[in-house]
Amino acid sequence: METSPRKETAGELVRIEQLEVDFDGFKAIRGLDFSLSSGELRFLIGPNGAGKTTLLDVLCGKVKPSKGKVMFRNHVDLTKHQEHQIAQLGIGRKFQAPSIFVTLTVLENLLLSMRQKRGLLSSLIAQTTVEQRDRMKYYLHMIGLEKKSKDKAGSLSHGEKQWLEIGMLLIQQPELLLLDEPAAGMTDSETEKTGELLHKISDQQTIIVVEHDMDFVRQFAKTVTVMHEGSVLCEGTMQEVQNDDKVAEVYLGRRGER
């Protein structure tokens, strides 16, 4: 029984050229070039104010750039679409604070997130198809909350709430997930599970993660993009990034800190 989404064939999923975002004279992003292939797990790092979250805001349509191209699947210009249209195109965004329905159960939260007609919750449950129920079970297992499916979301730990919200995105089967500091505020155990979850997701979907926890990045990053003052400073593996003199100077601290 196949309930997981199919990953697209390898190829360029996102291409950004000469992006500029201007907030009343302050250039949050300037001359940024960026590309992302299908199936990547890409971490964005850099000091506060580097433009990382603004880049996610542009990709999901929350912020419109003043200049530049933002192409999705080679032919869709995201700058010409609104937030809800971009979500329908297959881009899901998770912000730092969990946005869940605390008075509903874990299962009900997932149910409401599925792409289907909204209505009374009881009738929604009655109308679910076998495929939809299988999909809910699949993602409950993936986010590690199958044993808490009937618990109220408000009773979950901070980490579990974050996983639930990730599950609420996943059940909509987006092609690209944008995650802003998913491990923030978690215990060591929760952080470890979150990193493992990201690797599971990246077997099926493409992910961009903004993260400040360098230990988390070192442990789980595949490819890292370092941003500084609104543009890309360098890209590569964590080892390559840590050995870059420019990065050592502006972000990772003293030379030789590894």
C-alpha atoms as a PDB file:
ATOM      1  CA  MET A   1       0.000   0.000   0.000  1.00  0.00           C
ATOM      2  CA  GLU A   2       1.627   3.254  -1.162  1.00  0.00           C
ATOM      3  CA  THR A   3       0.651   6.318   0.829  1.00  0.00           C
ATOM      4  CA  SER A   4       3.780   8.449   0.618  1.00  0.00           C
ATOM      5  CA  PRO A   5       4.207  11.176  -1.986  1.00  0.00           C
ATOM      6  CA  ARG A   6       6.474  10.487  -4.926  1.00  0.00           C
ATOM      7  CA  LYS A   7       9.625  12.554  -5.231  1.00  0.00           C
ATOM      8  CA  GLU A   8      10.068  14.360  -8.524  1.00  0.00           C
ATOM      9  CA  THR A   9      12.924  13.296 -10.765  1.00  0.00           C
ATOM     10  CA  ALA A  10      16.161  15.060  -9.909  1.00  0.00           C
ATOM     11  CA  GLY A  11      16.428  18.538 -11.365  1.00  0.00           C
ATOM     12  CA  GLU A  12      16.307  22.200 -10.464  1.00  0.00           C
ATOM     13  CA  LEU A  13      13.276  22.969  -8.323  1.00  0.00           C
ATOM     14  CA  VAL A  14      14.030  26.592  -7.368  1.00  0.00           C
ATOM     15  CA  ARG A  15      16.130  29.187  -9.178  1.00  0.00           C
ATOM     16  CA  ILE A  16      16.538  32.721  -7.849  1.00  0.00           C
ATOM     17  CA  GLU A  17      18.375  35.385  -9.811  1.00  0.00           C
ATOM     18  CA  GLN A  18      19.495  38.819  -8.595  1.00  0.00           C
ATOM     19  CA  LEU A  19      16.854  38.980  -5.884  1.00  0.00           C
ATOM     20  CA  GLU A  20      16.368  42.216  -4.012  1.00  0.00           C
ATOM     21  CA  VAL A  21      14.008  42.952  -1.121  1.00  0.00           C
ATOM     22  CA  ASP A  22      13.754  46.544   0.025  1.00  0.00           C
ATOM     23  CA  PHE A  23      12.018  47.531   3.277  1.00  0.00           C
ATOM     24  CA  ASP A  24      11.700  51.334   3.122  1.00  0.00           C
ATOM     25  CA  GLY A  25      15.266  51.800   1.972  1.00  0.00           C
ATOM     26  CA  PHE A  26      16.788  48.904   3.903  1.00  0.00           C
ATOM     27  CA  LYS A  27      17.886  46.129   1.551  1.00  0.00           C
ATOM     28  CA  ALA A  28      17.140  42.904   3.457  1.00  0.00           C
ATOM     29  CA  ILE A  29      18.218  40.922   0.382  1.00  0.00           C
ATOM     30  CA  ARG A  30      20.562  42.272  -2.275  1.00  0.00           C
ATOM     31  CA  GLY A  31      21.708  40.667  -5.515  1.00  0.00           C
ATOM     32  CA  LEU A  32      20.994  37.148  -4.250  1.00  0.00           C
ATOM     33  CA  ASP A  33      21.456  34.163  -6.564  1.00  0.00           C
ATOM     34  CA  PHE A  34      20.282  30.795  -5.248  1.00  0.00           C
ATOM     35  CA  SER A  35      19.309  27.424  -6.668  1.00  0.00           C
ATOM     36  CA  LEU A  36      17.881  24.257  -5.158  1.00  0.00           C
ATOM     37  CA  SER A  37      17.503  20.810  -6.691  1.00  0.00           C
ATOM     38  CA  SER A  38      14.624  18.410  -6.097  1.00  0.00           C
ATOM     39  CA  GLY A  39      15.269  16.135  -3.142  1.00  0.00           C
ATOM     40  CA  GLU A  40      17.721  18.428  -1.354  1.00  0.00           C
ATOM     41  CA  LEU A  41      17.846  19.103   2.374  1.00  0.00           C
ATOM     42  CA  ARG A  42      19.360  22.600   2.422  1.00  0.00           C
ATOM     43  CA  PHE A  43      20.229  24.506   5.589  1.00  0.00           C
ATOM     44  CA  LEU A  44      20.387  28.320   5.565  1.00  0.00           C
ATOM     45  CA  ILE A  45      22.675  29.774   8.205  1.00  0.00           C
ATOM     46  CA  GLY A  46      24.115  33.196   8.916  1.00  0.00           C
ATOM     47  CA  PRO A  47      24.053  35.966  11.523  1.00  0.00           C
ATOM     48  CA  ASN A  48      20.850  37.747  12.521  1.00  0.00           C
ATOM     49  CA  GLY A  49      19.771  40.118   9.762  1.00  0.00           C
ATOM     50  CA  ALA A  50      21.453  38.060   7.033  1.00  0.00           C
ATOM     51  CA  GLY A  51      18.154  37.702   5.148  1.00  0.00           C
ATOM     52  CA  LYS A  52      17.434  34.013   5.796  1.00  0.00           C
ATOM     53  CA  THR A  53      13.821  34.366   6.981  1.00  0.00           C
ATOM     54  CA  THR A  54      13.178  37.049   4.360  1.00  0.00           C
ATOM     55  CA  LEU A  55      14.221  34.551   1.695  1.00  0.00           C
ATOM     56  CA  LEU A  56      11.633  32.067   3.030  1.00  0.00           C
ATOM     57  CA  ASP A  57       9.074  34.900   3.079  1.00  0.00           C
ATOM     58  CA  VAL A  58       9.733  35.545  -0.614  1.00  0.00           C
ATOM     59  CA  LEU A  59       9.462  31.858  -1.526  1.00  0.00           C
ATOM     60  CA  CYS A  60       6.067  31.496   0.176  1.00  0.00           C
ATOM     61  CA  GLY A  61       4.736  34.821  -1.138  1.00  0.00           C
ATOM     62  CA  LYS A  62       4.544  36.655   2.188  1.00  0.00           C
ATOM     63  CA  VAL A  63       7.015  39.265   0.912  1.00  0.00           C
ATOM     64  CA  LYS A  64       7.237  40.566  -2.645  1.00  0.00           C
ATOM     65  CA  PRO A  65      10.727  41.411  -3.951  1.00  0.00           C
ATOM     66  CA  SER A  66      11.562  44.751  -5.528  1.00  0.00           C
ATOM     67  CA  LYS A  67      13.740  43.055  -8.158  1.00  0.00           C
ATOM     68  CA  GLY A  68      14.747  39.627  -9.395  1.00  0.00           C
ATOM     69  CA  LYS A  69      13.357  36.304 -10.581  1.00  0.00           C
ATOM     70  CA  VAL A  70      12.046  33.510  -8.349  1.00  0.00           C
ATOM     71  CA  MET A  71      11.355  30.470 -10.508  1.00  0.00           C
ATOM     72  CA  PHE A  72       9.722  27.253  -9.269  1.00  0.00           C
ATOM     73  CA  ARG A  73       9.909  24.071 -11.378  1.00  0.00           C
ATOM     74  CA  ASN A  74      11.667  26.135 -14.083  1.00  0.00           C
ATOM     75  CA  HIS A  75       8.499  27.776 -15.404  1.00  0.00           C
ATOM     76  CA  VAL A  76       6.484  29.258 -12.495  1.00  0.00           C
ATOM     77  CA  ASP A  77       7.451  32.789 -11.449  1.00  0.00           C
ATOM     78  CA  LEU A  78       6.515  32.908  -7.760  1.00  0.00           C
ATOM     79  CA  THR A  79       6.694  36.710  -7.651  1.00  0.00           C
ATOM     80  CA  LYS A  80       3.495  36.796  -9.717  1.00  0.00           C
ATOM     81  CA  HIS A  81       1.503  34.654  -7.253  1.00  0.00           C
ATOM     82  CA  GLN A  82      -0.174  35.285  -3.893  1.00  0.00           C
ATOM     83  CA  GLU A  83       0.492  33.238  -0.735  1.00  0.00           C
ATOM     84  CA  HIS A  84      -2.528  30.935  -1.115  1.00  0.00           C
ATOM     85  CA  GLN A  85      -1.687  30.299  -4.778  1.00  0.00           C
ATOM     86  CA  ILE A  86       1.909  29.402  -3.881  1.00  0.00           C
ATOM     87  CA  ALA A  87       0.646  26.970  -1.240  1.00  0.00           C
ATOM     88  CA  GLN A  88      -1.528  25.340  -3.902  1.00  0.00           C
ATOM     89  CA  LEU A  89       1.501  25.087  -6.203  1.00  0.00           C
ATOM     90  CA  GLY A  90       3.172  22.849  -3.622  1.00  0.00           C
ATOM     91  CA  ILE A  91       5.190  25.047  -1.248  1.00  0.00           C
ATOM     92  CA  GLY A  92       4.488  24.652   2.488  1.00  0.00           C
ATOM     93  CA  ARG A  93       5.812  27.037   5.154  1.00  0.00           C
ATOM     94  CA  LYS A  94       6.275  26.454   8.868  1.00  0.00           C
ATOM     95  CA  PHE A  95       7.025  29.447  11.056  1.00  0.00           C
ATOM     96  CA  GLN A  96       8.969  29.384  14.335  1.00  0.00           C
ATOM     97  CA  ALA A  97       5.969  29.236  16.690  1.00  0.00           C
ATOM     98  CA  PRO A  98       3.716  26.188  16.235  1.00  0.00           C
ATOM     99  CA  SER A  99       0.356  27.022  14.663  1.00  0.00           C
ATOM    100  CA  ILE A 100      -1.960  24.216  15.684  1.00  0.00           C
ATOM    101  CA  PHE A 101      -5.522  23.820  16.942  1.00  0.00           C
ATOM    102  CA  VAL A 102      -4.857  23.215  20.644  1.00  0.00           C
ATOM    103  CA  THR A 103      -8.428  22.165  21.530  1.00  0.00           C
ATOM    104  CA  LEU A 104      -8.533  19.472  18.825  1.00  0.00           C
ATOM    105  CA  THR A 105      -6.840  16.092  18.905  1.00  0.00           C
ATOM    106  CA  VAL A 106      -3.673  15.310  16.992  1.00  0.00           C
ATOM    107  CA  LEU A 107      -5.706  13.302  14.465  1.00  0.00           C
ATOM    108  CA  GLU A 108      -8.258  16.090  14.024  1.00  0.00           C
ATOM    109  CA  ASN A 109      -5.452  18.580  13.360  1.00  0.00           C
ATOM    110  CA  LEU A 110      -4.130  16.375  10.569  1.00  0.00           C
ATOM    111  CA  LEU A 111      -7.617  15.857   9.206  1.00  0.00           C
ATOM    112  CA  LEU A 112      -8.303  19.578   8.951  1.00  0.00           C
ATOM    113  CA  SER A 113      -5.013  20.085   7.134  1.00  0.00           C
ATOM    114  CA  MET A 114      -5.827  17.652   4.351  1.00  0.00           C
ATOM    115  CA  ARG A 115      -6.805  19.180   1.047  1.00  0.00           C
ATOM    116  CA  GLN A 116     -10.526  18.701   1.103  1.00  0.00           C
ATOM    117  CA  LYS A 117     -13.714  20.644   1.660  1.00  0.00           C
ATOM    118  CA  ARG A 118     -13.902  22.142   5.143  1.00  0.00           C
ATOM    119  CA  GLY A 119     -17.053  21.415   7.093  1.00  0.00           C
ATOM    120  CA  LEU A 120     -18.182  20.045  10.422  1.00  0.00           C
ATOM    121  CA  LEU A 121     -15.380  17.975  11.915  1.00  0.00           C
ATOM    122  CA  SER A 122     -17.643  15.019  12.642  1.00  0.00           C
ATOM    123  CA  SER A 123     -18.843  14.858   9.055  1.00  0.00           C
ATOM    124  CA  LEU A 124     -15.270  15.225   7.790  1.00  0.00           C
ATOM    125  CA  ILE A 125     -14.220  12.179   9.784  1.00  0.00           C
ATOM    126  CA  ALA A 126     -17.186  10.195   8.481  1.00  0.00           C
ATOM    127  CA  GLN A 127     -16.371  11.181   4.902  1.00  0.00           C
ATOM    128  CA  THR A 128     -12.697  10.237   4.891  1.00  0.00           C
ATOM    129  CA  THR A 129     -11.691   7.695   2.280  1.00  0.00           C
ATOM    130  CA  VAL A 130      -9.535   4.639   2.903  1.00  0.00           C
ATOM    131  CA  GLU A 131      -6.678   6.422   1.123  1.00  0.00           C
ATOM    132  CA  GLN A 132      -7.024   9.473   3.387  1.00  0.00           C
ATOM    133  CA  ARG A 133      -7.097   7.346   6.530  1.00  0.00           C
ATOM    134  CA  ASP A 134      -4.013   5.498   5.325  1.00  0.00           C
ATOM    135  CA  ARG A 135      -2.302   8.816   4.663  1.00  0.00           C
ATOM    136  CA  MET A 136      -3.082  10.036   8.188  1.00  0.00           C
ATOM    137  CA  LYS A 137      -1.687   6.815   9.679  1.00  0.00           C
ATOM    138  CA  TYR A 138       1.421   7.131   7.533  1.00  0.00           C
ATOM    139  CA  TYR A 139       2.184  10.679   8.701  1.00  0.00           C
ATOM    140  CA  LEU A 140       1.246   9.971  12.338  1.00  0.00           C
ATOM    141  CA  HIS A 141       3.888   7.263  12.259  1.00  0.00           C
ATOM    142  CA  MET A 142       6.416   9.485  10.494  1.00  0.00           C
ATOM    143  CA  ILE A 143       6.129  12.301  13.070  1.00  0.00           C
ATOM    144  CA  GLY A 144       6.119   9.802  15.949  1.00  0.00           C
ATOM    145  CA  LEU A 145       2.687  10.701  17.324  1.00  0.00           C
ATOM    146  CA  GLU A 146       0.655   7.582  16.471  1.00  0.00           C
ATOM    147  CA  LYS A 147       0.259   6.772  20.177  1.00  0.00           C
ATOM    148  CA  LYS A 148      -0.999  10.294  20.874  1.00  0.00           C
ATOM    149  CA  SER A 149      -3.458  10.559  17.986  1.00  0.00           C
ATOM    150  CA  LYS A 150      -6.428  10.997  20.368  1.00  0.00           C
ATOM    151  CA  ASP A 151      -4.658  13.432  22.703  1.00  0.00           C
ATOM    152  CA  LYS A 152      -5.530  17.115  22.595  1.00  0.00           C
ATOM    153  CA  ALA A 153      -2.831  19.033  20.745  1.00  0.00           C
ATOM    154  CA  GLY A 154      -2.582  21.507  23.621  1.00  0.00           C
ATOM    155  CA  SER A 155      -1.330  18.734  25.925  1.00  0.00           C
ATOM    156  CA  LEU A 156       1.695  17.931  23.743  1.00  0.00           C
ATOM    157  CA  SER A 157       5.238  18.945  24.613  1.00  0.00           C
ATOM    158  CA  HIS A 158       6.841  21.803  22.666  1.00  0.00           C
ATOM    159  CA  GLY A 159       8.715  19.365  20.434  1.00  0.00           C
ATOM    160  CA  GLU A 160       5.614  17.276  19.775  1.00  0.00           C
ATOM    161  CA  LYS A 161       3.685  20.407  18.782  1.00  0.00           C
ATOM    162  CA  GLN A 162       6.410  21.234  16.276  1.00  0.00           C
ATOM    163  CA  TRP A 163       6.263  17.701  14.846  1.00  0.00           C
ATOM    164  CA  LEU A 164       2.473  17.922  14.617  1.00  0.00           C
ATOM    165  CA  GLU A 165       2.687  21.131  12.633  1.00  0.00           C
ATOM    166  CA  ILE A 166       5.271  19.555  10.326  1.00  0.00           C
ATOM    167  CA  GLY A 167       2.839  16.641   9.910  1.00  0.00           C
ATOM    168  CA  MET A 168       0.044  19.102   9.087  1.00  0.00           C
ATOM    169  CA  LEU A 169       2.203  20.433   6.273  1.00  0.00           C
ATOM    170  CA  LEU A 170       3.301  16.999   5.082  1.00  0.00           C
ATOM    171  CA  ILE A 171      -0.239  15.657   4.811  1.00  0.00           C
ATOM    172  CA  GLN A 172      -0.893  18.325   2.167  1.00  0.00           C
ATOM    173  CA  GLN A 173       1.978  16.708   0.229  1.00  0.00           C
ATOM    174  CA  PRO A 174       3.896  19.834  -0.771  1.00  0.00           C
ATOM    175  CA  GLU A 175       6.883  19.535  -3.074  1.00  0.00           C
ATOM    176  CA  LEU A 176       8.946  22.036  -1.076  1.00  0.00           C
ATOM    177  CA  LEU A 177       8.912  22.589   2.702  1.00  0.00           C
ATOM    178  CA  LEU A 178      10.207  25.813   4.264  1.00  0.00           C
ATOM    179  CA  LEU A 179      11.046  25.394   7.959  1.00  0.00           C
ATOM    180  CA  ASP A 180      12.128  28.255  10.223  1.00  0.00           C
ATOM    181  CA  GLU A 181      14.187  27.046  13.199  1.00  0.00           C
ATOM    182  CA  PRO A 182      12.300  23.761  13.689  1.00  0.00           C
ATOM    183  CA  ALA A 183      14.559  22.700  16.586  1.00  0.00           C
ATOM    184  CA  ALA A 184      14.317  25.948  18.589  1.00  0.00           C
ATOM    185  CA  GLY A 185      13.410  25.454  22.253  1.00  0.00           C
ATOM    186  CA  MET A 186      13.587  21.659  22.099  1.00  0.00           C
ATOM    187  CA  THR A 187      15.217  19.266  24.531  1.00  0.00           C
ATOM    188  CA  ASP A 188      18.315  17.385  23.322  1.00  0.00           C
ATOM    189  CA  SER A 189      16.217  14.288  22.721  1.00  0.00           C
ATOM    190  CA  GLU A 190      13.585  16.220  20.757  1.00  0.00           C
ATOM    191  CA  THR A 191      16.308  17.939  18.716  1.00  0.00           C
ATOM    192  CA  GLU A 192      17.776  14.570  17.787  1.00  0.00           C
ATOM    193  CA  LYS A 193      14.366  13.242  16.725  1.00  0.00           C
ATOM    194  CA  THR A 194      13.720  16.393  14.695  1.00  0.00           C
ATOM    195  CA  GLY A 195      16.957  15.941  12.762  1.00  0.00           C
ATOM    196  CA  GLU A 196      16.061  12.320  12.052  1.00  0.00           C
ATOM    197  CA  LEU A 197      12.590  13.446  10.919  1.00  0.00           C
ATOM    198  CA  LEU A 198      14.102  15.948   8.464  1.00  0.00           C
ATOM    199  CA  HIS A 199      16.198  13.185   6.912  1.00  0.00           C
ATOM    200  CA  LYS A 200      13.115  10.945   6.595  1.00  0.00           C
ATOM    201  CA  ILE A 201      11.163  13.752   4.917  1.00  0.00           C
ATOM    202  CA  SER A 202      14.028  14.523   2.524  1.00  0.00           C
ATOM    203  CA  ASP A 203      13.758  10.998   1.133  1.00  0.00           C
ATOM    204  CA  GLN A 204      10.464  12.150  -0.414  1.00  0.00           C
ATOM    205  CA  GLN A 205      10.425  15.949  -0.508  1.00  0.00           C
ATOM    206  CA  THR A 206      12.688  18.982  -0.780  1.00  0.00           C
ATOM    207  CA  ILE A 207      13.388  21.050   2.346  1.00  0.00           C
ATOM    208  CA  ILE A 208      14.917  24.421   3.183  1.00  0.00           C
ATOM    209  CA  VAL A 209      15.703  24.887   6.879  1.00  0.00           C
ATOM    210  CA  VAL A 210      16.692  28.164   8.531  1.00  0.00           C
ATOM    211  CA  GLU A 211      18.633  27.280  11.666  1.00  0.00           C
ATOM    212  CA  HIS A 212      20.802  28.999  14.315  1.00  0.00           C
ATOM    213  CA  ASP A 213      21.711  25.915  16.367  1.00  0.00           C
ATOM    214  CA  MET A 214      25.133  25.136  14.922  1.00  0.00           C
ATOM    215  CA  ASP A 215      25.414  21.772  16.677  1.00  0.00           C
ATOM    216  CA  PHE A 216      22.134  20.765  15.031  1.00  0.00           C
ATOM    217  CA  VAL A 217      23.403  21.972  11.638  1.00  0.00           C
ATOM    218  CA  ARG A 218      26.715  20.131  12.034  1.00  0.00           C
ATOM    219  CA  GLN A 219      24.925  16.903  12.864  1.00  0.00           C
ATOM    220  CA  PHE A 220      22.151  16.911  10.261  1.00  0.00           C
ATOM    221  CA  ALA A 221      23.025  19.269   7.391  1.00  0.00           C
ATOM    222  CA  LYS A 222      23.730  17.855   3.959  1.00  0.00           C
ATOM    223  CA  THR A 223      24.305  21.128   2.097  1.00  0.00           C
ATOM    224  CA  VAL A 224      24.662  24.528   3.776  1.00  0.00           C
ATOM    225  CA  THR A 225      24.133  28.007   2.333  1.00  0.00           C
ATOM    226  CA  VAL A 226      25.706  30.789   4.395  1.00  0.00           C
ATOM    227  CA  MET A 227      24.007  34.178   4.053  1.00  0.00           C
ATOM    228  CA  HIS A 228      25.483  37.525   5.054  1.00  0.00           C
ATOM    229  CA  GLU A 229      24.034  41.016   4.588  1.00  0.00           C
ATOM    230  CA  GLY A 230      21.316  39.824   2.237  1.00  0.00           C
ATOM    231  CA  SER A 231      23.352  37.720  -0.147  1.00  0.00           C
ATOM    232  CA  VAL A 232      25.010  34.299  -0.358  1.00  0.00           C
ATOM    233  CA  LEU A 233      28.459  34.234   1.215  1.00  0.00           C
ATOM    234  CA  CYS A 234      29.265  30.617   0.356  1.00  0.00           C
ATOM    235  CA  GLU A 235      27.739  27.154  -0.078  1.00  0.00           C
ATOM    236  CA  GLY A 236      28.919  23.615   0.440  1.00  0.00           C
ATOM    237  CA  THR A 237      29.107  20.844   3.015  1.00  0.00           C
ATOM    238  CA  MET A 238      29.381  21.850   6.663  1.00  0.00           C
ATOM    239  CA  GLN A 239      33.079  20.953   6.563  1.00  0.00           C
ATOM    240  CA  GLU A 240      33.665  23.155   3.512  1.00  0.00           C
ATOM    241  CA  VAL A 241      31.720  26.023   5.069  1.00  0.00           C
ATOM    242  CA  GLN A 242      33.619  25.808   8.357  1.00  0.00           C
ATOM    243  CA  ASN A 243      36.936  25.881   6.513  1.00  0.00           C
ATOM    244  CA  ASP A 244      35.997  29.013   4.550  1.00  0.00           C
ATOM    245  CA  ASP A 245      37.944  32.067   5.720  1.00  0.00           C
ATOM    246  CA  LYS A 246      35.084  34.501   4.979  1.00  0.00           C
ATOM    247  CA  VAL A 247      32.642  32.443   7.055  1.00  0.00           C
ATOM    248  CA  ALA A 248      35.117  32.159   9.935  1.00  0.00           C
ATOM    249  CA  GLU A 249      35.422  35.935   9.901  1.00  0.00           C
ATOM    250  CA  VAL A 250      31.745  36.943   9.734  1.00  0.00           C
ATOM    251  CA  TYR A 251      29.880  34.139  11.426  1.00  0.00           C
ATOM    252  CA  LEU A 252      31.517  31.091  12.955  1.00  0.00           C
ATOM    253  CA  GLY A 253      33.801  33.066  15.234  1.00  0.00           C
ATOM    254  CA  ARG A 254      37.538  32.743  15.589  1.00  0.00           C
ATOM    255  CA  ARG A 255      39.542  30.947  12.900  1.00  0.00           C
ATOM    256  CA  GLY A 256      39.985  27.329  13.739  1.00  0.00           C
ATOM    257  CA  GLU A 257      36.660  26.969  15.594  1.00  0.00           C
ATOM    258  CA  ARG A 258      35.242  23.779  14.158  1.00  0.00           C
END
